[in-house]
């Protein structure tokens, strides 16, 4: 499954690196690409291992605000 997650308070490369690392640590994530300019993360993951809400929760646990998720 491929999803795009928008994160409104991702401002710096430190933010993007932290989010990238957190997303990658979710079991079932196959690939991810982050765009600081667009403030979004494109994630490819295996739905048999996790769902998009678990990924969003892991990002929000860091203090970031997810404003949109597109499937």
C-alpha atoms as a PDB file:
ATOM      1  CA  UNK A   1       0.000   0.000   0.000  1.00  0.00           C
ATOM      2  CA  UNK A   2       1.175   3.534  -0.747  1.00  0.00           C
ATOM      3  CA  UNK A   3       0.126   6.520   1.385  1.00  0.00           C
ATOM      4  CA  UNK A   4       1.015  10.196   1.571  1.00  0.00           C
ATOM      5  CA  UNK A   5       1.059  11.861   4.976  1.00  0.00           C
ATOM      6  CA  UNK A   6       1.125  15.664   5.346  1.00  0.00           C
ATOM      7  CA  UNK A   7       2.841  17.031   8.453  1.00  0.00           C
ATOM      8  CA  UNK A   8       2.179  20.706   9.165  1.00  0.00           C
ATOM      9  CA  UNK A   9       4.956  21.394  11.687  1.00  0.00           C
ATOM     10  CA  UNK A  10       7.881  19.714   9.902  1.00  0.00           C
ATOM     11  CA  UNK A  11      10.244  22.684   9.507  1.00  0.00           C
ATOM     12  CA  UNK A  12      13.878  21.554   9.429  1.00  0.00           C
ATOM     13  CA  UNK A  13      16.159  18.806   8.195  1.00  0.00           C
ATOM     14  CA  UNK A  14      16.377  17.611  11.799  1.00  0.00           C
ATOM     15  CA  UNK A  15      12.581  17.176  11.778  1.00  0.00           C
ATOM     16  CA  UNK A  16      12.630  15.300   8.487  1.00  0.00           C
ATOM     17  CA  UNK A  17      15.455  13.007   9.626  1.00  0.00           C
ATOM     18  CA  UNK A  18      13.666  12.212  12.886  1.00  0.00           C
ATOM     19  CA  UNK A  19      10.386  11.472  11.099  1.00  0.00           C
ATOM     20  CA  UNK A  20      12.159   9.382   8.446  1.00  0.00           C
ATOM     21  CA  UNK A  21      13.873   7.294  11.132  1.00  0.00           C
ATOM     22  CA  UNK A  22      10.627   6.832  13.080  1.00  0.00           C
ATOM     23  CA  UNK A  23       8.672   5.776   9.988  1.00  0.00           C
ATOM     24  CA  UNK A  24      11.417   3.330   8.972  1.00  0.00           C
ATOM     25  CA  UNK A  25      11.343   1.728  12.436  1.00  0.00           C
ATOM     26  CA  UNK A  26       7.734   0.590  11.934  1.00  0.00           C
ATOM     27  CA  UNK A  27       7.728  -3.096  11.070  1.00  0.00           C
ATOM     28  CA  UNK A  28       6.180  -3.496   7.632  1.00  0.00           C
ATOM     29  CA  UNK A  29       7.443  -0.245   6.083  1.00  0.00           C
ATOM     30  CA  UNK A  30       9.055  -1.094   2.764  1.00  0.00           C
ATOM     31  CA  UNK A  31      10.146   2.385   1.665  1.00  0.00           C
ATOM     32  CA  UNK A  32       9.601   6.025   2.504  1.00  0.00           C
ATOM     33  CA  UNK A  33      10.510   9.346   0.951  1.00  0.00           C
ATOM     34  CA  UNK A  34      10.235  12.655   2.731  1.00  0.00           C
ATOM     35  CA  UNK A  35       9.805  16.102   1.182  1.00  0.00           C
ATOM     36  CA  UNK A  36      10.570  18.980   3.504  1.00  0.00           C
ATOM     37  CA  UNK A  37       9.384  21.483   0.893  1.00  0.00           C
ATOM     38  CA  UNK A  38       5.966  19.792   0.520  1.00  0.00           C
ATOM     39  CA  UNK A  39       5.888  18.829   4.213  1.00  0.00           C
ATOM     40  CA  UNK A  40       4.903  15.274   3.334  1.00  0.00           C
ATOM     41  CA  UNK A  41       6.046  11.695   3.627  1.00  0.00           C
ATOM     42  CA  UNK A  42       5.325   9.099   0.955  1.00  0.00           C
ATOM     43  CA  UNK A  43       5.241   5.637   2.504  1.00  0.00           C
ATOM     44  CA  UNK A  44       5.040   2.188   0.944  1.00  0.00           C
ATOM     45  CA  UNK A  45       4.143  -0.457   3.481  1.00  0.00           C
ATOM     46  CA  UNK A  46       2.746  -3.963   3.869  1.00  0.00           C
ATOM     47  CA  UNK A  47      -0.784  -3.856   5.275  1.00  0.00           C
ATOM     48  CA  UNK A  48      -0.356  -7.366   6.656  1.00  0.00           C
ATOM     49  CA  UNK A  49       2.065  -5.936   9.250  1.00  0.00           C
ATOM     50  CA  UNK A  50       0.659  -2.474  10.030  1.00  0.00           C
ATOM     51  CA  UNK A  51      -1.907   0.096   8.981  1.00  0.00           C
ATOM     52  CA  UNK A  52      -1.604   3.780   8.185  1.00  0.00           C
ATOM     53  CA  UNK A  53      -2.981   4.831  11.573  1.00  0.00           C
ATOM     54  CA  UNK A  54      -0.084   3.102  13.333  1.00  0.00           C
ATOM     55  CA  UNK A  55       2.364   5.080  11.196  1.00  0.00           C
ATOM     56  CA  UNK A  56       0.496   8.333  11.882  1.00  0.00           C
ATOM     57  CA  UNK A  57       0.476   7.552  15.619  1.00  0.00           C
ATOM     58  CA  UNK A  58       4.256   7.013  15.629  1.00  0.00           C
ATOM     59  CA  UNK A  59       4.746  10.438  13.992  1.00  0.00           C
ATOM     60  CA  UNK A  60       2.286  12.161  16.328  1.00  0.00           C
ATOM     61  CA  UNK A  61       4.013  10.547  19.335  1.00  0.00           C
ATOM     62  CA  UNK A  62       7.058  12.656  18.395  1.00  0.00           C
ATOM     63  CA  UNK A  63       4.967  15.827  18.730  1.00  0.00           C
ATOM     64  CA  UNK A  64       4.247  16.438  15.052  1.00  0.00           C
ATOM     65  CA  UNK A  65       0.799  17.253  13.713  1.00  0.00           C
ATOM     66  CA  UNK A  66      -0.465  15.106  10.842  1.00  0.00           C
ATOM     67  CA  UNK A  67      -2.998  17.162   8.925  1.00  0.00           C
ATOM     68  CA  UNK A  68      -3.849  14.828   6.063  1.00  0.00           C
ATOM     69  CA  UNK A  69      -3.419  11.282   4.865  1.00  0.00           C
ATOM     70  CA  UNK A  70      -4.023  10.243   1.261  1.00  0.00           C
ATOM     71  CA  UNK A  71      -4.266   6.649   0.222  1.00  0.00           C
END
